[in-house]
C-alpha atoms as a PDB file:
ATOM      1  CA  UNK A   1     144.854 107.929  88.843  1.00  0.00           C
ATOM      2  CA  UNK A   2     143.253 105.094  90.768  1.00  0.00           C
ATOM      3  CA  UNK A   3     144.494 101.568  90.563  1.00  0.00           C
ATOM      4  CA  UNK A   4     142.768  99.361  88.012  1.00  0.00           C
ATOM      5  CA  UNK A   5     140.908  96.304  89.214  1.00  0.00           C
ATOM      6  CA  UNK A   6     140.079  93.186  87.303  1.00  0.00           C
ATOM      7  CA  UNK A   7     136.783  92.842  85.498  1.00  0.00           C
ATOM      8  CA  UNK A   8     135.793  89.877  87.654  1.00  0.00           C
ATOM      9  CA  UNK A   9     136.353  91.856  90.854  1.00  0.00           C
ATOM     10  CA  UNK A  10     134.532  94.896  89.472  1.00  0.00           C
ATOM     11  CA  UNK A  11     131.558  92.730  88.475  1.00  0.00           C
ATOM     12  CA  UNK A  12     131.571  91.102  91.902  1.00  0.00           C
ATOM     13  CA  UNK A  13     131.433  94.496  93.611  1.00  0.00           C
ATOM     14  CA  UNK A  14     128.657  95.574  91.276  1.00  0.00           C
ATOM     15  CA  UNK A  15     126.690  92.379  92.011  1.00  0.00           C
ATOM     16  CA  UNK A  16     127.069  92.951  95.759  1.00  0.00           C
ATOM     17  CA  UNK A  17     125.925  96.566  95.476  1.00  0.00           C
ATOM     18  CA  UNK A  18     122.903  95.550  93.422  1.00  0.00           C
ATOM     19  CA  UNK A  19     121.927  92.910  95.994  1.00  0.00           C
ATOM     20  CA  UNK A  20     121.928  95.535  98.748  1.00  0.00           C
ATOM     21  CA  UNK A  21     119.914  97.962  96.632  1.00  0.00           C
ATOM     22  CA  UNK A  22     117.357  95.245  95.777  1.00  0.00           C
ATOM     23  CA  UNK A  23     116.890  94.513  99.462  1.00  0.00           C
ATOM     24  CA  UNK A  24     116.438  98.180 100.362  1.00  0.00           C
ATOM     25  CA  UNK A  25     114.050  98.790  97.468  1.00  0.00           C
ATOM     26  CA  UNK A  26     112.114  95.630  98.324  1.00  0.00           C
ATOM     27  CA  UNK A  27     111.412  96.941 101.826  1.00  0.00           C
ATOM     28  CA  UNK A  28     110.315 100.278 100.374  1.00  0.00           C
ATOM     29  CA  UNK A  29     108.018  98.577  97.893  1.00  0.00           C
ATOM     30  CA  UNK A  30     106.455  96.413 100.610  1.00  0.00           C
ATOM     31  CA  UNK A  31     105.705  99.498 102.695  1.00  0.00           C
ATOM     32  CA  UNK A  32     104.286 101.253  99.650  1.00  0.00           C
ATOM     33  CA  UNK A  33     102.041  98.299  98.772  1.00  0.00           C
ATOM     34  CA  UNK A  34     100.727  98.161 102.344  1.00  0.00           C
ATOM     35  CA  UNK A  35     100.036 101.901 102.281  1.00  0.00           C
ATOM     36  CA  UNK A  36      98.150 101.593  98.966  1.00  0.00           C
ATOM     37  CA  UNK A  37      96.165  98.623 100.284  1.00  0.00           C
ATOM     38  CA  UNK A  38      94.995 100.659 103.305  1.00  0.00           C
ATOM     39  CA  UNK A  39      94.137 103.596 101.066  1.00  0.00           C
ATOM     40  CA  UNK A  40      92.053 101.412  98.725  1.00  0.00           C
ATOM     41  CA  UNK A  41      90.248  99.759 101.648  1.00  0.00           C
ATOM     42  CA  UNK A  42      89.451 103.203 103.063  1.00  0.00           C
ATOM     43  CA  UNK A  43      88.140 104.357  99.666  1.00  0.00           C
ATOM     44  CA  UNK A  44      85.867 101.308  99.455  1.00  0.00           C
ATOM     45  CA  UNK A  45      84.618 101.880 103.008  1.00  0.00           C
ATOM     46  CA  UNK A  46      83.798 105.537 102.367  1.00  0.00           C
ATOM     47  CA  UNK A  47      82.517 105.212  98.808  1.00  0.00           C
ATOM     48  CA  UNK A  48      79.661 103.412  97.164  1.00  0.00           C
ATOM     49  CA  UNK A  49      79.273 101.136  94.163  1.00  0.00           C
ATOM     50  CA  UNK A  50      80.311 101.742  91.320  1.00  0.00           C
ATOM     51  CA  UNK A  51      83.830 102.683  92.370  1.00  0.00           C
ATOM     52  CA  UNK A  52      86.523 104.629  90.547  1.00  0.00           C
ATOM     53  CA  UNK A  53      88.781 102.875  88.034  1.00  0.00           C
ATOM     54  CA  UNK A  54      91.688 102.870  90.505  1.00  0.00           C
ATOM     55  CA  UNK A  55      89.672 100.959  93.083  1.00  0.00           C
ATOM     56  CA  UNK A  56      88.162  98.635  90.467  1.00  0.00           C
ATOM     57  CA  UNK A  57      91.599  97.816  89.057  1.00  0.00           C
ATOM     58  CA  UNK A  58      93.046  97.057  92.499  1.00  0.00           C
ATOM     59  CA  UNK A  59      90.148  94.787  93.461  1.00  0.00           C
ATOM     60  CA  UNK A  60      90.239  93.172  90.020  1.00  0.00           C
ATOM     61  CA  UNK A  61      93.902  92.226  90.451  1.00  0.00           C
ATOM     62  CA  UNK A  62      93.396  91.087  94.059  1.00  0.00           C
ATOM     63  CA  UNK A  63      90.358  88.890  93.342  1.00  0.00           C
ATOM     64  CA  UNK A  64      91.180  87.722  89.822  1.00  0.00           C
ATOM     65  CA  UNK A  65      87.777  88.782  88.510  1.00  0.00           C
ATOM     66  CA  UNK A  66      87.567  91.017  85.402  1.00  0.00           C
ATOM     67  CA  UNK A  67      86.561  94.569  86.314  1.00  0.00           C
ATOM     68  CA  UNK A  68      83.445  94.413  84.120  1.00  0.00           C
ATOM     69  CA  UNK A  69      82.186  91.471  86.209  1.00  0.00           C
ATOM     70  CA  UNK A  70      82.827  92.958  89.675  1.00  0.00           C
ATOM     71  CA  UNK A  71      79.787  93.104  91.938  1.00  0.00           C
ATOM     72  CA  UNK A  72      79.314  94.646  95.396  1.00  0.00           C
ATOM     73  CA  UNK A  73      79.859  91.153  96.834  1.00  0.00           C
ATOM     74  CA  UNK A  74      83.383  91.083  95.394  1.00  0.00           C
ATOM     75  CA  UNK A  75      84.178  94.349  97.167  1.00  0.00           C
ATOM     76  CA  UNK A  76      82.763  92.999 100.429  1.00  0.00           C
ATOM     77  CA  UNK A  77      84.898  89.866 100.012  1.00  0.00           C
ATOM     78  CA  UNK A  78      87.936  92.082  99.397  1.00  0.00           C
ATOM     79  CA  UNK A  79      87.264  94.023 102.607  1.00  0.00           C
ATOM     80  CA  UNK A  80      86.592  90.912 104.708  1.00  0.00           C
ATOM     81  CA  UNK A  81      88.464  88.012 103.116  1.00  0.00           C
ATOM     82  CA  UNK A  82      87.624  84.508 104.209  1.00  0.00           C
ATOM     83  CA  UNK A  83      90.691  82.475 105.149  1.00  0.00           C
ATOM     84  CA  UNK A  84      91.489  79.807 102.603  1.00  0.00           C
ATOM     85  CA  UNK A  85      92.601  76.488 104.048  1.00  0.00           C
ATOM     86  CA  UNK A  86      95.309  74.874 101.935  1.00  0.00           C
ATOM     87  CA  UNK A  87      95.467  71.689 103.928  1.00  0.00           C
ATOM     88  CA  UNK A  88      93.604  69.997 106.696  1.00  0.00           C
ATOM     89  CA  UNK A  89      94.934  68.407 109.856  1.00  0.00           C
ATOM     90  CA  UNK A  90      92.087  65.919 109.885  1.00  0.00           C
ATOM     91  CA  UNK A  91      93.255  62.518 108.589  1.00  0.00           C
ATOM     92  CA  UNK A  92      89.891  61.659 107.001  1.00  0.00           C
ATOM     93  CA  UNK A  93      90.023  64.810 104.825  1.00  0.00           C
ATOM     94  CA  UNK A  94      93.387  63.775 103.399  1.00  0.00           C
ATOM     95  CA  UNK A  95      92.142  60.270 102.568  1.00  0.00           C
ATOM     96  CA  UNK A  96      88.919  61.421 100.879  1.00  0.00           C
ATOM     97  CA  UNK A  97      90.629  62.469  97.661  1.00  0.00           C
END
């Protein structure tokens, strides 16, 4: 029979194992999300409006627009997003609040 360990030590080992698993699964999920994103972009590029529910749902979540209100312009914006500036390096822009 194996030697018993304290509950605190057992919980510590369990916590450490879970941290490693979360990291590994996080990398897998990131790769999966990137793969799905490419697949959806390819489906939009090859298809035509109106798109399938899978594509509509993905674009709806990405743009924040309800799927019933999606237009071809929303899909174009999803394919070619415009960069959003969160701050400006120009001093006059910061003062003009």
